Amino acid sequence: MFQYDKRLGIPLPALQHDWFSYSVNERQQITLEWETIRGTIPDRIGELEGQINRKQAALNEEENFDQSCRLNTEISELASIINDLWLWFRTSPDVDEAKKTHA
């Protein structure tokens, strides 16, 4: 019911059917798994923030323009991932709605 997203580093909802076509038990299991995944998002964000901090420190010392541009691009991508993770974190346990919102 979930598929690992390499960019975000977490599994995301990948439901094959309409939410209400699943049994109540299946929906409860999906919701429980999504809540477990959601619980890991703040730690994942913390890891990415640490990477940003290290890259910003390297950027402060970098004198090579091309290398500075590369570091800026990497920092920007990490910030984008963090933004997407926060969006998923705020997603309600109704993973069908999450799938529609973020597809």
PDB file of N, CA and C in Angstrom:
ATOM      1  N   MET A   1       0.808  -1.194   0.000  1.00  0.00           N
ATOM      2  CA  MET A   1       0.000   0.000   0.000  1.00  0.00           C
ATOM      3  C   MET A   1       0.857   1.265   0.000  1.00  0.00           C
ATOM      4  N   PHE A   2       2.163   1.085   0.265  1.00  0.00           N
ATOM      5  CA  PHE A   2       3.085   2.211   0.295  1.00  0.00           C
ATOM      6  C   PHE A   2       4.267   1.891  -0.605  1.00  0.00           C
ATOM      7  N   GLN A   3       4.807   2.940  -1.191  1.00  0.00           N
ATOM      8  CA  GLN A   3       5.953   2.779  -2.073  1.00  0.00           C
ATOM      9  C   GLN A   3       7.046   3.735  -1.618  1.00  0.00           C
ATOM     10  N   TYR A   4       8.256   3.203  -1.480  1.00  0.00           N
ATOM     11  CA  TYR A   4       9.375   4.014  -1.008  1.00  0.00           C
ATOM     12  C   TYR A   4       9.699   5.105  -2.020  1.00  0.00           C
ATOM     13  N   ASP A   5       9.792   6.330  -1.542  1.00  0.00           N
ATOM     14  CA  ASP A   5      10.176   7.475  -2.367  1.00  0.00           C
ATOM     15  C   ASP A   5      11.632   7.783  -2.066  1.00  0.00           C
ATOM     16  N   LYS A   6      12.491   7.527  -3.036  1.00  0.00           N
ATOM     17  CA  LYS A   6      13.931   7.682  -2.833  1.00  0.00           C
ATOM     18  C   LYS A   6      14.300   9.126  -2.507  1.00  0.00           C
ATOM     19  N   ARG A   7      13.657  10.083  -3.181  1.00  0.00           N
ATOM     20  CA  ARG A   7      13.971  11.490  -2.959  1.00  0.00           C
ATOM     21  C   ARG A   7      13.657  11.913  -1.533  1.00  0.00           C
ATOM     22  N   LEU A   8      12.488  11.533  -1.033  1.00  0.00           N
ATOM     23  CA  LEU A   8      12.081  11.942   0.311  1.00  0.00           C
ATOM     24  C   LEU A   8      12.652  11.031   1.396  1.00  0.00           C
ATOM     25  N   GLY A   9      12.979   9.809   1.026  1.00  0.00           N
ATOM     26  CA  GLY A   9      13.546   8.879   1.994  1.00  0.00           C
ATOM     27  C   GLY A   9      12.516   8.230   2.903  1.00  0.00           C
ATOM     28  N   ILE A  10      11.250   8.219   2.460  1.00  0.00           N
ATOM     29  CA  ILE A  10      10.177   7.575   3.228  1.00  0.00           C
ATOM     30  C   ILE A  10       9.216   6.892   2.252  1.00  0.00           C
ATOM     31  N   PRO A  11       8.472   5.912   2.743  1.00  0.00           N
ATOM     32  CA  PRO A  11       7.407   5.346   1.906  1.00  0.00           C
ATOM     33  C   PRO A  11       6.221   6.310   1.835  1.00  0.00           C
ATOM     34  N   LEU A  12       5.579   6.366   0.669  1.00  0.00           N
ATOM     35  CA  LEU A  12       4.406   7.213   0.472  1.00  0.00           C
ATOM     36  C   LEU A  12       3.210   6.350   0.078  1.00  0.00           C
ATOM     37  N   PRO A  13       2.005   6.847   0.340  1.00  0.00           N
ATOM     38  CA  PRO A  13       0.814   6.089  -0.049  1.00  0.00           C
ATOM     39  C   PRO A  13       0.814   5.789  -1.546  1.00  0.00           C
ATOM     40  N   ALA A  14       0.489   4.561  -1.873  1.00  0.00           N
ATOM     41  CA  ALA A  14       0.387   4.131  -3.271  1.00  0.00           C
ATOM     42  C   ALA A  14      -0.804   3.184  -3.377  1.00  0.00           C
ATOM     43  N   LEU A  15      -1.964   3.703  -3.042  1.00  0.00           N
ATOM     44  CA  LEU A  15      -3.170   2.878  -3.020  1.00  0.00           C
ATOM     45  C   LEU A  15      -3.606   2.548  -4.437  1.00  0.00           C
ATOM     46  N   GLN A  16      -4.038   1.307  -4.613  1.00  0.00           N
ATOM     47  CA  GLN A  16      -4.449   0.843  -5.929  1.00  0.00           C
ATOM     48  C   GLN A  16      -5.942   1.038  -6.182  1.00  0.00           C
ATOM     49  N   HIS A  17      -6.697   1.298  -5.121  1.00  0.00           N
ATOM     50  CA  HIS A  17      -8.150   1.401  -5.217  1.00  0.00           C
ATOM     51  C   HIS A  17      -8.645   2.623  -4.454  1.00  0.00           C
ATOM     52  N   ASP A  18      -9.895   2.949  -4.675  1.00  0.00           N
ATOM     53  CA  ASP A  18     -10.559   3.994  -3.913  1.00  0.00           C
ATOM     54  C   ASP A  18     -10.530   3.619  -2.432  1.00  0.00           C
ATOM     55  N   TRP A  19     -10.352   4.608  -1.566  1.00  0.00           N
ATOM     56  CA  TRP A  19     -10.231   4.381  -0.124  1.00  0.00           C
ATOM     57  C   TRP A  19     -11.354   3.501   0.423  1.00  0.00           C
ATOM     58  N   PHE A  20     -12.579   3.768   0.012  1.00  0.00           N
ATOM     59  CA  PHE A  20     -13.715   3.056   0.588  1.00  0.00           C
ATOM     60  C   PHE A  20     -13.943   1.677  -0.024  1.00  0.00           C
ATOM     61  N   SER A  21     -13.159   1.315  -1.027  1.00  0.00           N
ATOM     62  CA  SER A  21     -13.248  -0.052  -1.540  1.00  0.00           C
ATOM     63  C   SER A  21     -12.445  -1.019  -0.668  1.00  0.00           C
ATOM     64  N   TYR A  22     -11.616  -0.479   0.224  1.00  0.00           N
ATOM     65  CA  TYR A  22     -10.901  -1.314   1.187  1.00  0.00           C
ATOM     66  C   TYR A  22     -11.822  -1.597   2.365  1.00  0.00           C
ATOM     67  N   SER A  23     -11.651  -2.749   2.979  1.00  0.00           N
ATOM     68  CA  SER A  23     -12.444  -3.077   4.165  1.00  0.00           C
ATOM     69  C   SER A  23     -12.052  -2.153   5.318  1.00  0.00           C
ATOM     70  N   VAL A  24     -12.892  -2.106   6.322  1.00  0.00           N
ATOM     71  CA  VAL A  24     -12.597  -1.291   7.497  1.00  0.00           C
ATOM     72  C   VAL A  24     -11.265  -1.727   8.102  1.00  0.00           C
ATOM     73  N   ASN A  25     -11.040  -3.024   8.193  1.00  0.00           N
ATOM     74  CA  ASN A  25      -9.794  -3.547   8.754  1.00  0.00           C
ATOM     75  C   ASN A  25      -8.593  -3.107   7.909  1.00  0.00           C
ATOM     76  N   GLU A  26      -8.728  -3.185   6.595  1.00  0.00           N
ATOM     77  CA  GLU A  26      -7.630  -2.769   5.725  1.00  0.00           C
ATOM     78  C   GLU A  26      -7.352  -1.274   5.880  1.00  0.00           C
ATOM     79  N   ARG A  27      -8.407  -0.472   5.957  1.00  0.00           N
ATOM     80  CA  ARG A  27      -8.220   0.973   6.142  1.00  0.00           C
ATOM     81  C   ARG A  27      -7.535   1.264   7.467  1.00  0.00           C
ATOM     82  N   GLN A  28      -7.894   0.526   8.503  1.00  0.00           N
ATOM     83  CA  GLN A  28      -7.246   0.721   9.804  1.00  0.00           C
ATOM     84  C   GLN A  28      -5.770   0.359   9.723  1.00  0.00           C
ATOM     85  N   GLN A  29      -5.452  -0.718   9.029  1.00  0.00           N
ATOM     86  CA  GLN A  29      -4.051  -1.127   8.886  1.00  0.00           C
ATOM     87  C   GLN A  29      -3.259  -0.096   8.089  1.00  0.00           C
ATOM     88  N   ILE A  30      -3.858   0.401   7.017  1.00  0.00           N
ATOM     89  CA  ILE A  30      -3.196   1.423   6.204  1.00  0.00           C
ATOM     90  C   ILE A  30      -2.964   2.678   7.041  1.00  0.00           C
ATOM     91  N   THR A  31      -3.985   3.088   7.774  1.00  0.00           N
ATOM     92  CA  THR A  31      -3.877   4.288   8.614  1.00  0.00           C
ATOM     93  C   THR A  31      -2.801   4.106   9.676  1.00  0.00           C
ATOM     94  N   LEU A  32      -2.760   2.938  10.305  1.00  0.00           N
ATOM     95  CA  LEU A  32      -1.741   2.664  11.318  1.00  0.00           C
ATOM     96  C   LEU A  32      -0.341   2.738  10.706  1.00  0.00           C
ATOM     97  N   GLU A  33      -0.181   2.140   9.538  1.00  0.00           N
ATOM     98  CA  GLU A  33       1.134   2.182   8.890  1.00  0.00           C
ATOM     99  C   GLU A  33       1.505   3.616   8.514  1.00  0.00           C
ATOM    100  N   TRP A  34       0.529   4.379   8.001  1.00  0.00           N
ATOM    101  CA  TRP A  34       0.814   5.773   7.642  1.00  0.00           C
ATOM    102  C   TRP A  34       1.194   6.582   8.875  1.00  0.00           C
ATOM    103  N   GLU A  35       0.512   6.370   9.992  1.00  0.00           N
ATOM    104  CA  GLU A  35       0.855   7.094  11.218  1.00  0.00           C
ATOM    105  C   GLU A  35       2.271   6.752  11.672  1.00  0.00           C
ATOM    106  N   THR A  36       2.677   5.504  11.503  1.00  0.00           N
ATOM    107  CA  THR A  36       4.038   5.099  11.855  1.00  0.00           C
ATOM    108  C   THR A  36       5.043   5.803  10.954  1.00  0.00           C
ATOM    109  N   ILE A  37       4.740   5.840   9.660  1.00  0.00           N
ATOM    110  CA  ILE A  37       5.624   6.529   8.714  1.00  0.00           C
ATOM    111  C   ILE A  37       5.688   8.015   9.045  1.00  0.00           C
ATOM    112  N   ARG A  38       4.535   8.631   9.267  1.00  0.00           N
ATOM    113  CA  ARG A  38       4.498  10.067   9.607  1.00  0.00           C
ATOM    114  C   ARG A  38       5.367  10.363  10.821  1.00  0.00           C
ATOM    115  N   GLY A  39       5.394   9.444  11.764  1.00  0.00           N
ATOM    116  CA  GLY A  39       6.187   9.641  12.972  1.00  0.00           C
ATOM    117  C   GLY A  39       7.681   9.720  12.714  1.00  0.00           C
ATOM    118  N   THR A  40       8.126   9.206  11.580  1.00  0.00           N
ATOM    119  CA  THR A  40       9.559   9.247  11.254  1.00  0.00           C
ATOM    120  C   THR A  40       9.955  10.525  10.528  1.00  0.00           C
ATOM    121  N   ILE A  41       8.974  11.272  10.055  1.00  0.00           N
ATOM    122  CA  ILE A  41       9.270  12.448   9.234  1.00  0.00           C
ATOM    123  C   ILE A  41      10.077  13.514   9.984  1.00  0.00           C
ATOM    124  N   PRO A  42       9.755  13.864  11.216  1.00  0.00           N
ATOM    125  CA  PRO A  42      10.586  14.874  11.901  1.00  0.00           C
ATOM    126  C   PRO A  42      12.062  14.470  12.013  1.00  0.00           C
ATOM    127  N   ASP A  43      12.332  13.191  12.253  1.00  0.00           N
ATOM    128  CA  ASP A  43      13.725  12.739  12.313  1.00  0.00           C
ATOM    129  C   ASP A  43      14.402  12.864  10.954  1.00  0.00           C
ATOM    130  N   ARG A  44      13.667  12.520   9.906  1.00  0.00           N
ATOM    131  CA  ARG A  44      14.205  12.642   8.539  1.00  0.00           C
ATOM    132  C   ARG A  44      14.516  14.113   8.227  1.00  0.00           C
ATOM    133  N   ILE A  45      13.621  14.999   8.628  1.00  0.00           N
ATOM    134  CA  ILE A  45      13.847  16.430   8.423  1.00  0.00           C
ATOM    135  C   ILE A  45      15.083  16.888   9.186  1.00  0.00           C
ATOM    136  N   GLY A  46      15.254  16.406  10.405  1.00  0.00           N
ATOM    137  CA  GLY A  46      16.439  16.742  11.191  1.00  0.00           C
ATOM    138  C   GLY A  46      17.722  16.308  10.510  1.00  0.00           C
ATOM    139  N   GLU A  47      17.700  15.118   9.901  1.00  0.00           N
ATOM    140  CA  GLU A  47      18.879  14.642   9.166  1.00  0.00           C
ATOM    141  C   GLU A  47      19.204  15.579   8.006  1.00  0.00           C
ATOM    142  N   LEU A  48      18.171  15.965   7.275  1.00  0.00           N
ATOM    143  CA  LEU A  48      18.377  16.847   6.124  1.00  0.00           C
ATOM    144  C   LEU A  48      18.847  18.233   6.557  1.00  0.00           C
ATOM    145  N   GLU A  49      18.316  18.729   7.665  1.00  0.00           N
ATOM    146  CA  GLU A  49      18.767  20.020   8.184  1.00  0.00           C
ATOM    147  C   GLU A  49      20.243  19.968   8.552  1.00  0.00           C
ATOM    148  N   GLY A  50      20.672  18.846   9.103  1.00  0.00           N
ATOM    149  CA  GLY A  50      22.091  18.666   9.413  1.00  0.00           C
ATOM    150  C   GLY A  50      22.946  18.720   8.157  1.00  0.00           C
ATOM    151  N   GLN A  51      22.463  18.088   7.082  1.00  0.00           N
ATOM    152  CA  GLN A  51      23.188  18.142   5.812  1.00  0.00           C
ATOM    153  C   GLN A  51      23.253  19.574   5.287  1.00  0.00           C
ATOM    154  N   ILE A  52      22.148  20.303   5.398  1.00  0.00           N
ATOM    155  CA  ILE A  52      22.137  21.704   4.964  1.00  0.00           C
ATOM    156  C   ILE A  52      23.151  22.514   5.759  1.00  0.00           C
ATOM    157  N   ASN A  53      23.161  22.328   7.068  1.00  0.00           N
ATOM    158  CA  ASN A  53      24.104  23.070   7.914  1.00  0.00           C
ATOM    159  C   ASN A  53      25.553  22.796   7.523  1.00  0.00           C
ATOM    160  N   ARG A  54      25.863  21.528   7.230  1.00  0.00           N
ATOM    161  CA  ARG A  54      27.233  21.189   6.821  1.00  0.00           C
ATOM    162  C   ARG A  54      27.574  21.819   5.469  1.00  0.00           C
ATOM    163  N   LYS A  55      26.623  21.797   4.559  1.00  0.00           N
ATOM    164  CA  LYS A  55      26.862  22.384   3.242  1.00  0.00           C
ATOM    165  C   LYS A  55      26.966  23.906   3.324  1.00  0.00           C
ATOM    166  N   GLN A  56      26.186  24.527   4.186  1.00  0.00           N
ATOM    167  CA  GLN A  56      26.297  25.981   4.369  1.00  0.00           C
ATOM    168  C   GLN A  56      27.643  26.355   4.971  1.00  0.00           C
ATOM    169  N   ALA A  57      28.120  25.536   5.902  1.00  0.00           N
ATOM    170  CA  ALA A  57      29.441  25.793   6.485  1.00  0.00           C
ATOM    171  C   ALA A  57      30.520  25.663   5.410  1.00  0.00           C
ATOM    172  N   ALA A  58      30.385  24.651   4.558  1.00  0.00           N
ATOM    173  CA  ALA A  58      31.347  24.484   3.468  1.00  0.00           C
ATOM    174  C   ALA A  58      31.252  25.644   2.485  1.00  0.00           C
ATOM    175  N   LEU A  59      30.037  26.107   2.235  1.00  0.00           N
ATOM    176  CA  LEU A  59      29.826  27.235   1.325  1.00  0.00           C
ATOM    177  C   LEU A  59      30.501  28.500   1.851  1.00  0.00           C
ATOM    178  N   ASN A  60      30.440  28.706   3.151  1.00  0.00           N
ATOM    179  CA  ASN A  60      31.069  29.882   3.760  1.00  0.00           C
ATOM    180  C   ASN A  60      32.584  29.892   3.550  1.00  0.00           C
ATOM    181  N   GLU A  61      33.174  28.712   3.409  1.00  0.00           N
ATOM    182  CA  GLU A  61      34.620  28.598   3.233  1.00  0.00           C
ATOM    183  C   GLU A  61      35.026  28.460   1.766  1.00  0.00           C
ATOM    184  N   GLU A  62      34.059  28.203   0.902  1.00  0.00           N
ATOM    185  CA  GLU A  62      34.361  27.898  -0.510  1.00  0.00           C
ATOM    186  C   GLU A  62      34.725  29.166  -1.285  1.00  0.00           C
ATOM    187  N   GLU A  63      35.818  29.083  -2.032  1.00  0.00           N
ATOM    188  CA  GLU A  63      36.250  30.213  -2.851  1.00  0.00           C
ATOM    189  C   GLU A  63      36.038  29.950  -4.340  1.00  0.00           C
ATOM    190  N   ASN A  64      35.842  28.700  -4.708  1.00  0.00           N
ATOM    191  CA  ASN A  64      35.640  28.333  -6.108  1.00  0.00           C
ATOM    192  C   ASN A  64      34.184  28.586  -6.484  1.00  0.00           C
ATOM    193  N   PHE A  65      33.967  29.415  -7.503  1.00  0.00           N
ATOM    194  CA  PHE A  65      32.604  29.796  -7.892  1.00  0.00           C
ATOM    195  C   PHE A  65      31.768  28.590  -8.307  1.00  0.00           C
ATOM    196  N   ASP A  66      32.317  27.719  -9.125  1.00  0.00           N
ATOM    197  CA  ASP A  66      31.558  26.550  -9.584  1.00  0.00           C
ATOM    198  C   ASP A  66      31.164  25.649  -8.410  1.00  0.00           C
ATOM    199  N   GLN A  67      32.085  25.478  -7.497  1.00  0.00           N
ATOM    200  CA  GLN A  67      31.802  24.657  -6.316  1.00  0.00           C
ATOM    201  C   GLN A  67      30.736  25.338  -5.451  1.00  0.00           C
ATOM    202  N   SER A  68      30.793  26.659  -5.342  1.00  0.00           N
ATOM    203  CA  SER A  68      29.778  27.402  -4.583  1.00  0.00           C
ATOM    204  C   SER A  68      28.400  27.223  -5.207  1.00  0.00           C
ATOM    205  N   CYS A  69      28.346  27.275  -6.519  1.00  0.00           N
ATOM    206  CA  CYS A  69      27.062  27.077  -7.219  1.00  0.00           C
ATOM    207  C   CYS A  69      26.526  25.668  -6.969  1.00  0.00           C
ATOM    208  N   ARG A  70      27.411  24.679  -7.003  1.00  0.00           N
ATOM    209  CA  ARG A  70      26.991  23.300  -6.750  1.00  0.00           C
ATOM    210  C   ARG A  70      26.433  23.157  -5.338  1.00  0.00           C
ATOM    211  N   LEU A  71      27.126  23.734  -4.363  1.00  0.00           N
ATOM    212  CA  LEU A  71      26.658  23.663  -2.976  1.00  0.00           C
ATOM    213  C   LEU A  71      25.309  24.369  -2.818  1.00  0.00           C
ATOM    214  N   ASN A  72      25.145  25.516  -3.458  1.00  0.00           N
ATOM    215  CA  ASN A  72      23.866  26.223  -3.399  1.00  0.00           C
ATOM    216  C   ASN A  72      22.734  25.378  -3.984  1.00  0.00           C
ATOM    217  N   THR A  73      23.007  24.720  -5.092  1.00  0.00           N
ATOM    218  CA  THR A  73      22.008  23.853  -5.717  1.00  0.00           C
ATOM    219  C   THR A  73      21.640  22.701  -4.790  1.00  0.00           C
ATOM    220  N   GLU A  74      22.633  22.091  -4.163  1.00  0.00           N
ATOM    221  CA  GLU A  74      22.384  20.984  -3.241  1.00  0.00           C
ATOM    222  C   GLU A  74      21.574  21.451  -2.027  1.00  0.00           C
ATOM    223  N   ILE A  75      21.900  22.613  -1.505  1.00  0.00           N
ATOM    224  CA  ILE A  75      21.167  23.176  -0.363  1.00  0.00           C
ATOM    225  C   ILE A  75      19.718  23.427  -0.753  1.00  0.00           C
ATOM    226  N   SER A  76      19.524  23.982  -1.933  1.00  0.00           N
ATOM    227  CA  SER A  76      18.169  24.259  -2.424  1.00  0.00           C
ATOM    228  C   SER A  76      17.355  22.979  -2.557  1.00  0.00           C
ATOM    229  N   GLU A  77      17.957  21.932  -3.084  1.00  0.00           N
ATOM    230  CA  GLU A  77      17.247  20.654  -3.239  1.00  0.00           C
ATOM    231  C   GLU A  77      16.889  20.061  -1.876  1.00  0.00           C
ATOM    232  N   LEU A  78      17.803  20.125  -0.931  1.00  0.00           N
ATOM    233  CA  LEU A  78      17.518  19.622   0.410  1.00  0.00           C
ATOM    234  C   LEU A  78      16.374  20.400   1.056  1.00  0.00           C
ATOM    235  N   ALA A  79      16.371  21.715   0.866  1.00  0.00           N
ATOM    236  CA  ALA A  79      15.286  22.540   1.408  1.00  0.00           C
ATOM    237  C   ALA A  79      13.950  22.175   0.759  1.00  0.00           C
ATOM    238  N   SER A  80      13.972  21.873  -0.522  1.00  0.00           N
ATOM    239  CA  SER A  80      12.759  21.454  -1.220  1.00  0.00           C
ATOM    240  C   SER A  80      12.238  20.127  -0.670  1.00  0.00           C
ATOM    241  N   ILE A  81      13.134  19.217  -0.398  1.00  0.00           N
ATOM    242  CA  ILE A  81      12.745  17.920   0.180  1.00  0.00           C
ATOM    243  C   ILE A  81      12.116  18.140   1.550  1.00  0.00           C
ATOM    244  N   ILE A  82      12.719  19.003   2.360  1.00  0.00           N
ATOM    245  CA  ILE A  82      12.168  19.297   3.686  1.00  0.00           C
ATOM    246  C   ILE A  82      10.764  19.872   3.555  1.00  0.00           C
ATOM    247  N   ASN A  83      10.571  20.782   2.639  1.00  0.00           N
ATOM    248  CA  ASN A  83       9.247  21.355   2.421  1.00  0.00           C
ATOM    249  C   ASN A  83       8.230  20.266   2.065  1.00  0.00           C
ATOM    250  N   ASP A  84       8.600  19.376   1.159  1.00  0.00           N
ATOM    251  CA  ASP A  84       7.691  18.286   0.780  1.00  0.00           C
ATOM    252  C   ASP A  84       7.402  17.357   1.958  1.00  0.00           C
ATOM    253  N   LEU A  85       8.419  17.086   2.751  1.00  0.00           N
ATOM    254  CA  LEU A  85       8.208  16.233   3.927  1.00  0.00           C
ATOM    255  C   LEU A  85       7.236  16.875   4.909  1.00  0.00           C
ATOM    256  N   TRP A  86       7.354  18.183   5.120  1.00  0.00           N
ATOM    257  CA  TRP A  86       6.411  18.857   6.021  1.00  0.00           C
ATOM    258  C   TRP A  86       4.992  18.766   5.467  1.00  0.00           C
ATOM    259  N   LEU A  87       4.833  18.871   4.156  1.00  0.00           N
ATOM    260  CA  LEU A  87       3.504  18.718   3.564  1.00  0.00           C
ATOM    261  C   LEU A  87       2.933  17.328   3.862  1.00  0.00           C
ATOM    262  N   TRP A  88       3.756  16.325   3.693  1.00  0.00           N
ATOM    263  CA  TRP A  88       3.299  14.955   3.994  1.00  0.00           C
ATOM    264  C   TRP A  88       3.030  14.785   5.484  1.00  0.00           C
ATOM    265  N   PHE A  89       3.840  15.393   6.326  1.00  0.00           N
ATOM    266  CA  PHE A  89       3.648  15.274   7.766  1.00  0.00           C
ATOM    267  C   PHE A  89       2.297  15.837   8.184  1.00  0.00           C
ATOM    268  N   ARG A  90       1.885  16.911   7.536  1.00  0.00           N
ATOM    269  CA  ARG A  90       0.601  17.545   7.869  1.00  0.00           C
ATOM    270  C   ARG A  90      -0.590  16.825   7.252  1.00  0.00           C
ATOM    271  N   THR A  91      -0.319  15.829   6.418  1.00  0.00           N
ATOM    272  CA  THR A  91      -1.390  15.083   5.767  1.00  0.00           C
ATOM    273  C   THR A  91      -2.122  14.237   6.791  1.00  0.00           C
ATOM    274  N   SER A  92      -3.431  14.265   6.702  1.00  0.00           N
ATOM    275  CA  SER A  92      -4.249  13.485   7.633  1.00  0.00           C
ATOM    276  C   SER A  92      -4.043  11.999   7.398  1.00  0.00           C
ATOM    277  N   PRO A  93      -4.442  11.186   8.344  1.00  0.00           N
ATOM    278  CA  PRO A  93      -4.293   9.747   8.182  1.00  0.00           C
ATOM    279  C   PRO A  93      -5.111   9.166   7.027  1.00  0.00           C
ATOM    280  N   ASP A  94      -6.044   9.912   6.474  1.00  0.00           N
ATOM    281  CA  ASP A  94      -6.822   9.421   5.335  1.00  0.00           C
ATOM    282  C   ASP A  94      -5.907   9.442   4.120  1.00  0.00           C
ATOM    283  N   VAL A  95      -5.156   8.365   3.936  1.00  0.00           N
ATOM    284  CA  VAL A  95      -4.102   8.339   2.924  1.00  0.00           C
ATOM    285  C   VAL A  95      -4.646   8.449   1.516  1.00  0.00           C
ATOM    286  N   ASP A  96      -5.901   8.145   1.292  1.00  0.00           N
ATOM    287  CA  ASP A  96      -6.460   8.313  -0.040  1.00  0.00           C
ATOM    288  C   ASP A  96      -6.475   9.789  -0.404  1.00  0.00           C
ATOM    289  N   GLU A  97      -6.862  10.625   0.532  1.00  0.00           N
ATOM    290  CA  GLU A  97      -6.835  12.059   0.285  1.00  0.00           C
ATOM    291  C   GLU A  97      -5.401  12.541   0.106  1.00  0.00           C
ATOM    292  N   ALA A  98      -4.467  11.962   0.834  1.00  0.00           N
ATOM    293  CA  ALA A  98      -3.054  12.324   0.682  1.00  0.00           C
ATOM    294  C   ALA A  98      -2.584  11.988  -0.724  1.00  0.00           C
ATOM    295  N   LYS A  99      -2.994  10.831  -1.208  1.00  0.00           N
ATOM    296  CA  LYS A  99      -2.592  10.418  -2.537  1.00  0.00           C
ATOM    297  C   LYS A  99      -3.098  11.404  -3.572  1.00  0.00           C
ATOM    298  N   LYS A 100      -4.331  11.842  -3.440  1.00  0.00           N
ATOM    299  CA  LYS A 100      -4.900  12.786  -4.388  1.00  0.00           C
ATOM    300  C   LYS A 100      -4.216  14.141  -4.292  1.00  0.00           C
ATOM    301  N   THR A 101      -3.902  14.571  -3.086  1.00  0.00           N
ATOM    302  CA  THR A 101      -3.305  15.883  -2.860  1.00  0.00           C
ATOM    303  C   THR A 101      -1.889  15.955  -3.409  1.00  0.00           C
ATOM    304  N   HIS A 102      -1.122  14.890  -3.271  1.00  0.00           N
ATOM    305  CA  HIS A 102       0.305  14.937  -3.597  1.00  0.00           C
ATOM    306  C   HIS A 102       0.670  14.155  -4.830  1.00  0.00           C
ATOM    307  N   ALA A 103      -0.297  13.643  -5.559  1.00  0.00           N
ATOM    308  CA  ALA A 103       0.014  12.847  -6.744  1.00  0.00           C
ATOM    309  C   ALA A 103       0.502  13.713  -7.874  1.00  0.00           C
TER     310      ALA A 103
END
